C-alpha atoms as a PDB file:
ATOM      1  CA  MET A   1      12.312  36.741  29.050  1.00  0.00           C
ATOM      2  CA  SER A   2       9.821  34.013  28.156  1.00  0.00           C
ATOM      3  CA  ASN A   3      11.237  33.455  24.654  1.00  0.00           C
ATOM      4  CA  GLN A   4      14.857  33.233  25.856  1.00  0.00           C
ATOM      5  CA  LYS A   5      16.333  29.765  26.312  1.00  0.00           C
ATOM      6  CA  TRP A   6      18.577  29.156  29.296  1.00  0.00           C
ATOM      7  CA  TYR A   7      21.107  26.343  29.757  1.00  0.00           C
ATOM      8  CA  ASP A   8      23.202  25.089  32.658  1.00  0.00           C
ATOM      9  CA  CYS A   9      26.957  24.547  32.362  1.00  0.00           C
ATOM     10  CA  ASN A  10      26.379  20.979  31.045  1.00  0.00           C
ATOM     11  CA  GLY A  11      24.071  22.071  28.235  1.00  0.00           C
ATOM     12  CA  GLN A  12      20.736  21.010  29.739  1.00  0.00           C
ATOM     13  CA  GLU A  13      17.881  23.409  29.116  1.00  0.00           C
ATOM     14  CA  ILE A  14      16.539  25.194  32.192  1.00  0.00           C
ATOM     15  CA  SER A  15      12.895  26.242  32.415  1.00  0.00           C
ATOM     16  CA  ALA A  16      12.411  30.008  32.228  1.00  0.00           C
ATOM     17  CA  SER A  17      10.167  29.880  35.303  1.00  0.00           C
ATOM     18  CA  ARG A  18      13.138  28.844  37.478  1.00  0.00           C
ATOM     19  CA  ILE A  19      15.321  31.779  36.334  1.00  0.00           C
ATOM     20  CA  GLU A  20      15.953  34.787  38.588  1.00  0.00           C
ATOM     21  CA  ASN A  21      18.527  37.623  38.877  1.00  0.00           C
ATOM     22  CA  VAL A  22      18.920  38.019  35.109  1.00  0.00           C
ATOM     23  CA  ASP A  23      21.789  39.942  33.494  1.00  0.00           C
ATOM     24  CA  PHE A  24      20.955  40.194  29.772  1.00  0.00           C
ATOM     25  CA  THR A  25      24.211  41.925  28.797  1.00  0.00           C
ATOM     26  CA  LEU A  26      26.328  39.012  30.025  1.00  0.00           C
ATOM     27  CA  GLY A  27      23.647  36.403  29.303  1.00  0.00           C
ATOM     28  CA  ILE A  28      23.737  34.866  32.777  1.00  0.00           C
ATOM     29  CA  ALA A  29      21.143  34.287  35.502  1.00  0.00           C
ATOM     30  CA  ASP A  30      20.681  32.300  38.710  1.00  0.00           C
ATOM     31  CA  TYR A  31      18.404  29.349  39.338  1.00  0.00           C
ATOM     32  CA  ASP A  32      17.723  26.935  42.193  1.00  0.00           C
ATOM     33  CA  HIS A  33      19.134  23.480  41.527  1.00  0.00           C
ATOM     34  CA  ARG A  34      17.251  20.878  43.542  1.00  0.00           C
ATOM     35  CA  VAL A  35      18.209  17.231  44.016  1.00  0.00           C
ATOM     36  CA  THR A  36      15.370  14.956  45.100  1.00  0.00           C
ATOM     37  CA  CYS A  37      15.945  13.063  48.344  1.00  0.00           C
ATOM     38  CA  LYS A  38      16.691   9.385  47.746  1.00  0.00           C
ATOM     39  CA  VAL A  39      15.460   8.239  51.158  1.00  0.00           C
ATOM     40  CA  CYS A  40      11.889   9.539  50.900  1.00  0.00           C
ATOM     41  CA  CYS A  41      11.780   9.879  47.068  1.00  0.00           C
ATOM     42  CA  GLY A  42      10.849  13.570  47.342  1.00  0.00           C
ATOM     43  CA  LYS A  43       7.808  13.092  49.604  1.00  0.00           C
ATOM     44  CA  GLY A  44       9.408  14.558  52.728  1.00  0.00           C
ATOM     45  CA  VAL A  45       7.800  11.835  54.831  1.00  0.00           C
ATOM     46  CA  ARG A  46       9.330   8.528  55.817  1.00  0.00           C
ATOM     47  CA  ASN A  47       7.315   5.482  56.832  1.00  0.00           C
ATOM     48  CA  HIS A  48       9.330   3.438  59.310  1.00  0.00           C
ATOM     49  CA  PHE A  49       7.011   1.764  61.843  1.00  0.00           C
ATOM     50  CA  TYR A  50       5.345   5.182  62.126  1.00  0.00           C
ATOM     51  CA  ARG A  51       4.993   8.222  59.879  1.00  0.00           C
ATOM     52  CA  SER A  52       7.603  10.941  60.444  1.00  0.00           C
ATOM     53  CA  ASN A  53       9.559  13.616  58.639  1.00  0.00           C
ATOM     54  CA  CYS A  54      12.506  12.369  56.641  1.00  0.00           C
ATOM     55  CA  HIS A  55      15.734  12.805  58.618  1.00  0.00           C
ATOM     56  CA  ASN A  56      17.844  13.103  55.491  1.00  0.00           C
ATOM     57  CA  CYS A  57      16.027  16.068  53.919  1.00  0.00           C
ATOM     58  CA  HIS A  58      14.309  17.442  57.070  1.00  0.00           C
ATOM     59  CA  GLY A  59      10.880  17.074  55.461  1.00  0.00           C
ATOM     60  CA  THR A  60      11.562  19.234  52.392  1.00  0.00           C
ATOM     61  CA  GLY A  61      11.842  16.397  49.875  1.00  0.00           C
ATOM     62  CA  TYR A  62      15.146  17.735  48.549  1.00  0.00           C
ATOM     63  CA  SER A  63      18.524  16.536  49.771  1.00  0.00           C
ATOM     64  CA  LEU A  64      20.360  19.432  48.103  1.00  0.00           C
ATOM     65  CA  ILE A  65      19.213  22.931  47.158  1.00  0.00           C
ATOM     66  CA  THR A  66      21.854  25.216  45.649  1.00  0.00           C
ATOM     67  CA  LYS A  67      22.025  28.347  43.530  1.00  0.00           C
ATOM     68  CA  ARG A  68      23.589  27.747  40.132  1.00  0.00           C
ATOM     69  CA  THR A  69      24.287  29.888  37.107  1.00  0.00           C
ATOM     70  CA  ALA A  70      22.235  29.569  33.928  1.00  0.00           C
ATOM     71  CA  TYR A  71      23.551  30.826  30.588  1.00  0.00           C
ATOM     72  CA  GLN A  72      22.041  32.004  27.349  1.00  0.00           C
ATOM     73  CA  LEU A  73      23.480  30.351  24.243  1.00  0.00           C
ATOM     74  CA  PHE A  74      25.928  33.142  23.365  1.00  0.00           C
ATOM     75  CA  ALA A  75      27.318  33.200  26.915  1.00  0.00           C
ATOM     76  CA  LEU A  76      27.597  29.413  27.041  1.00  0.00           C
ATOM     77  CA  LYS A  77      29.492  29.416  23.725  1.00  0.00           C
ATOM     78  CA  ARG A  78      31.922  31.916  25.223  1.00  0.00           C
ATOM     79  CA  ILE A  79      32.490  29.908  28.422  1.00  0.00           C
ATOM     80  CA  LYS A  80      32.239  26.334  27.059  1.00  0.00           C
ATOM     81  CA  PRO A  81      32.478  26.461  23.252  1.00  0.00           C
ATOM     82  CA  VAL A  82      32.132  22.705  22.644  1.00  0.00           C
ATOM     83  CA  ILE A  83      28.851  22.455  24.550  1.00  0.00           C
ATOM     84  CA  GLY A  84      27.568  25.644  22.906  1.00  0.00           C
ATOM     85  CA  ARG A  85      28.285  24.278  19.429  1.00  0.00           C
ATOM     86  CA  ASP A  86      26.560  20.993  20.286  1.00  0.00           C
ATOM     87  CA  ILE A  87      23.424  22.818  21.431  1.00  0.00           C
ATOM     88  CA  GLU A  88      23.438  24.997  18.324  1.00  0.00           C
ATOM     89  CA  PHE A  89      23.817  21.930  16.091  1.00  0.00           C
ATOM     90  CA  LYS A  90      20.989  20.093  17.878  1.00  0.00           C
ATOM     91  CA  THR A  91      18.622  23.052  17.537  1.00  0.00           C
ATOM     92  CA  ARG A  92      19.413  23.335  13.826  1.00  0.00           C
ATOM     93  CA  MET A  93      18.853  19.621  13.310  1.00  0.00           C
ATOM     94  CA  ALA A  94      15.562  19.750  15.222  1.00  0.00           C
ATOM     95  CA  ALA A  95      14.251  22.578  13.056  1.00  0.00           C
ATOM     96  CA  GLY A  96      12.531  21.414   9.897  1.00  0.00           C
ATOM     97  CA  ASN A  97      13.051  18.004   8.384  1.00  0.00           C
ATOM     98  CA  ALA A  98      16.230  17.017  10.198  1.00  0.00           C
ATOM     99  CA  GLN A  99      16.193  13.321   9.336  1.00  0.00           C
ATOM    100  CA  ALA A 100      15.967  14.053   5.595  1.00  0.00           C
ATOM    101  CA  ASP A 101      18.766  16.631   5.818  1.00  0.00           C
ATOM    102  CA  LYS A 102      21.023  14.204   7.663  1.00  0.00           C
ATOM    103  CA  TYR A 103      20.255  11.485   5.129  1.00  0.00           C
ATOM    104  CA  ASN A 104      20.942  13.806   2.169  1.00  0.00           C
ATOM    105  CA  ILE A 105      24.319  14.823   3.591  1.00  0.00           C
ATOM    106  CA  TRP A 106      25.217  11.184   4.157  1.00  0.00           C
ATOM    107  CA  TYR A 107      23.941  10.209   0.679  1.00  0.00           C
ATOM    108  CA  MET A 108      26.133  12.808  -1.042  1.00  0.00           C
ATOM    109  CA  SER A 109      29.252  11.472   0.649  1.00  0.00           C
ATOM    110  CA  HIS A 110      28.504   7.826  -0.291  1.00  0.00           C
ATOM    111  CA  GLN A 111      26.647   8.354  -3.559  1.00  0.00           C
ATOM    112  CA  ASN A 112      28.535   5.884  -5.784  1.00  0.00           C
ATOM    113  CA  VAL A 113      28.081   2.910  -3.423  1.00  0.00           C
ATOM    114  CA  VAL A 114      24.424   3.747  -2.666  1.00  0.00           C
ATOM    115  CA  ASP A 115      23.610   4.036  -6.378  1.00  0.00           C
ATOM    116  CA  ALA A 116      25.329   0.704  -7.023  1.00  0.00           C
ATOM    117  CA  ILE A 117      23.316  -0.952  -4.227  1.00  0.00           C
ATOM    118  CA  ASN A 118      20.035   0.456  -5.552  1.00  0.00           C
ATOM    119  CA  SER A 119      20.759  -0.565  -9.153  1.00  0.00           C
ATOM    120  CA  SER A 120      22.085  -4.052  -8.390  1.00  0.00           C
ATOM    121  CA  THR A 121      20.008  -6.972  -9.655  1.00  0.00           C
ATOM    122  CA  ARG A 122      21.939  -9.689  -7.841  1.00  0.00           C
ATOM    123  CA  GLU A 123      20.093 -12.161  -5.646  1.00  0.00           C
ATOM    124  CA  ASN A 124      22.106 -11.388  -2.513  1.00  0.00           C
ATOM    125  CA  ASN A 125      20.313 -11.287   0.840  1.00  0.00           C
ATOM    126  CA  PHE A 126      22.796  -8.774   2.265  1.00  0.00           C
ATOM    127  CA  LEU A 127      22.330  -6.349  -0.642  1.00  0.00           C
ATOM    128  CA  MET A 128      18.552  -6.785  -0.479  1.00  0.00           C
ATOM    129  CA  SER A 129      18.556  -5.892   3.235  1.00  0.00           C
ATOM    130  CA  LEU A 130      20.712  -2.827   2.551  1.00  0.00           C
ATOM    131  CA  LYS A 131      18.315  -1.802  -0.202  1.00  0.00           C
ATOM    132  CA  SER A 132      15.347  -2.002   2.189  1.00  0.00           C
ATOM    133  CA  ILE A 133      17.251   0.075   4.767  1.00  0.00           C
ATOM    134  CA  LEU A 134      17.967   2.731   2.136  1.00  0.00           C
ATOM    135  CA  GLU A 135      14.299   2.808   1.076  1.00  0.00           C
ATOM    136  CA  LYS A 136      13.406   3.797   4.647  1.00  0.00           C
ATOM    137  CA  LYS A 137      15.885   6.727   4.401  1.00  0.00           C
ATOM    138  CA  PHE A 138      18.200   5.325   7.084  1.00  0.00           C
ATOM    139  CA  THR A 139      21.976   5.600   6.831  1.00  0.00           C
ATOM    140  CA  LEU A 140      24.313   2.629   6.597  1.00  0.00           C
ATOM    141  CA  SER A 141      27.337   2.076   8.795  1.00  0.00           C
ATOM    142  CA  GLU A 142      30.854   2.249   7.394  1.00  0.00           C
ATOM    143  CA  LYS A 143      31.233  -1.534   7.715  1.00  0.00           C
ATOM    144  CA  GLN A 144      28.061  -2.090   5.693  1.00  0.00           C
ATOM    145  CA  ILE A 145      29.257   0.312   2.998  1.00  0.00           C
ATOM    146  CA  LEU A 146      32.672  -1.330   2.755  1.00  0.00           C
ATOM    147  CA  ALA A 147      31.131  -4.819   2.587  1.00  0.00           C
ATOM    148  CA  ALA A 148      28.679  -3.749  -0.127  1.00  0.00           C
ATOM    149  CA  ALA A 149      31.453  -2.052  -2.091  1.00  0.00           C
ATOM    150  CA  LYS A 150      33.521  -5.216  -1.882  1.00  0.00           C
ATOM    151  CA  ILE A 151      30.603  -7.362  -3.119  1.00  0.00           C
ATOM    152  CA  LEU A 152      29.737  -4.972  -5.952  1.00  0.00           C
ATOM    153  CA  GLY A 153      33.346  -4.123  -6.861  1.00  0.00           C
ATOM    154  CA  VAL A 154      32.774  -0.387  -6.437  1.00  0.00           C
ATOM    155  CA  ASN A 155      35.239   2.153  -5.061  1.00  0.00           C
ATOM    156  CA  ALA A 156      33.998   3.137  -1.582  1.00  0.00           C
ATOM    157  CA  GLY A 157      34.976   6.756  -1.059  1.00  0.00           C
ATOM    158  CA  GLY A 158      38.656   6.648  -1.945  1.00  0.00           C
ATOM    159  CA  ASN A 159      39.364   3.169  -0.577  1.00  0.00           C
ATOM    160  CA  SER A 160      40.489   0.773  -3.265  1.00  0.00           C
ATOM    161  CA  VAL A 161      38.570  -2.488  -3.459  1.00  0.00           C
ATOM    162  CA  ARG A 162      40.501  -5.597  -4.467  1.00  0.00           C
END
């Protein structure tokens, strides 16, 4: 159970130590969801002229304690497919060199404009700043690409430049 990842219905990862009543065939389990008391900030004690138990949380430090359902990734994809796909995408991007992969995908889709920016010899401050951004392996916004394509007279991904 320690290597299994558990998520709540919103896609937040739940610690395996909080999981109980596990059903591996369905991929669901229960966990205690605790909301920290806002009056005593989770201390359970309130200082108001004298020290006493917090009246809001009755000295526990939690204003709400409920049982909620935690899901494994395959069960979450079945119940809420959009959130499951987002989690799967984030875990893939986190594995390995995600920034380089994202940059390479972006570079392939805007290759003609990026090559024109890198090979330009014009003394243009805007193009020089774009060149320095590209050297750091950061992506450019669509507005920056369209403006650079307009300056260089290059076709920006199917849009005709006049």
